[in-house]
Amino acid sequence: MNLRAPLLILALACLAGTCDEEAPLPPREAHPPAFEFSQYLAKKGGFLPGTDVLLVRRPEHLEHVYELSLREGVPGHEEAKELFGNLERQAQATGEHVAEQVYSLRCAAVELPDCVPKWRFIDELLGPAEGPGNRRLRQVLAEAFEKRARSKGLETTVVMAVVNVMLAEGMLQSAVGKAATAEGRAAAGGPRVLVETPTVQARELGAGEVRAAGVGAQRLALESGRLGLKGEVSAMEARLVEAEAQEVGARQPAAVKELEKLRPSLERPLAGAEVEEGLWREYVSYWELRYAELTSPAGVEAGVKPPLSWPSYRVFRARFRRAMEFQAKVSALLRAEVRLPPAERRVLRGMKQPLTESNVGLKHKGQASVTYADDLAVDGTTLEGKAPRVETVSTKQRDFRRMSEGEAGEQVGTDAREALAKYGGEVEVRRPGHPLFERRVSVSRVHLVYDESLVPDVKNLRDSMLQAAKEKGVEIHFHHAP
């Protein structure tokens, strides 16, 4: 491999923090010129000067080259294999170098600026992890870092957190970077530095922070096809954190010494992990980050719960996935309603020109936390006025099939109070690019949408639910989502 390759030099310099904040990157080209190998390959082989960087900045070309590199016997396969192989070798060298840097005696002695990897540069360089070629380069970099870091003695805690997030858009920045440096110091025999990890208290996360329960948010957003949309990963993580905190499944012991005996390992997966490799990898990362939270002063003060057992975690994530799928179907229903006359709509009846968006961040006055409305609708005809009409929607996959009328009414009352507290009243819209961004508005109506398949078609029970919602000033709906 050419060690003077511009892509490798650029990646190493910027990950080490020695390049300018504004990295010297050519612009990403969404519509590049027609692909020709001559744009990148010299006649004698190897990249033309600087074109390795250019190739990763042209997603369409990168994915075309990757596809050709996998298709033996087709024209251009050998050239594509050479091109993409060169990029893979540079990604591998980058991962190995960063692991070496974190472990080095120089970094073990003192935390220098270039000892904390600037993982966000990978996102800036590669852009969204939308195609298999892009994800393959991330995977090569991640696996090289993991292998070299493990050989140097870095703990699973940080290695797996870095690897998981590296595989999708959104690098762990300060939290994992500093944690990796601290682990490196410990492995090298230097003083062990306690890294204070974020707690599960509800608040707006800073850039690069990650909480144990939020592990997997990026993969869920990626699989749902919504990774590149604004606010999706933040909303997914916030929901995972909240849902995990409320999960009633079995948890492991809170005593640290007992907990250490149950540390999961990628090399020794438990039952079910062989068919859910991605989830097992996330469980290991979740467990290690939760362990770090439990053993940090901030975590002890916040009363962080011990990690869920592996069987409970599988159940929790399956239930969460179903809830997200139901929310997506309700969001699709609302988007379809936008095209209907007001009289034919089920939810957004009072709006002339409804505009809807999913997972919109809202902040109440005097609160540091951000809540994410499943859907927020605004009447476009009222945007210019002082009081735009805003309605919020909360979806619930609540099982009422074993509840009595009284229990169902009580549960709806609880759900209504929660929805009003989170999505009602006066709120500030926190979604950049939204027409109401940074405006304080009053929510005109809060809707609760239940999965109709989990609500018995019994008139008295449904009447009890409707009455409970009416008393709280919330409108409820039943949606059948096959």
Foldseek 3Di string as FASTA:
>chain_A
DPPVAPVLVQLQCVQLPNADPPRPADAQDAPDPDDDLVCFADPVGDGDHPCLLVCLSDVVNLQVLVVLCVDPPDPPNVSSVRSLVVLLVSLLVNLLVLLCLLQDPVLLADPDSSNQTALLVLCVRNPWPQHPSSLVSLQSNLVSNLVNNVVLPQDPQLSLVQSQPSSGHAGQGDQSRVVSSLSSNVSNVHDRDQRAADELPFFQDDRRHAALQLQPLQVLCNVVVNNPPFQRSVQSSNVSSVLQVVQPAAFFDLPLVRLVVVQDDLVDDDPPCVVVVVVSSSLNNSQSRLSSLSPHPNSVVVVRDHGHDPVSSVVSVVVVSVQVVVLVVVQVLVVVCQPPQLVPHDPPNPAHHKDKDAQWWKADPPDRGTHTFRMKIWRPVCLVDPATAIETEDEDADACPPPDLVRLLVVLLVVLVVQCVRPAAWIATCGPPPSRHRHIHGHPAYEYEYAQVRPDPDVSSVVSSQVSNVVSRHHYYYDHDD
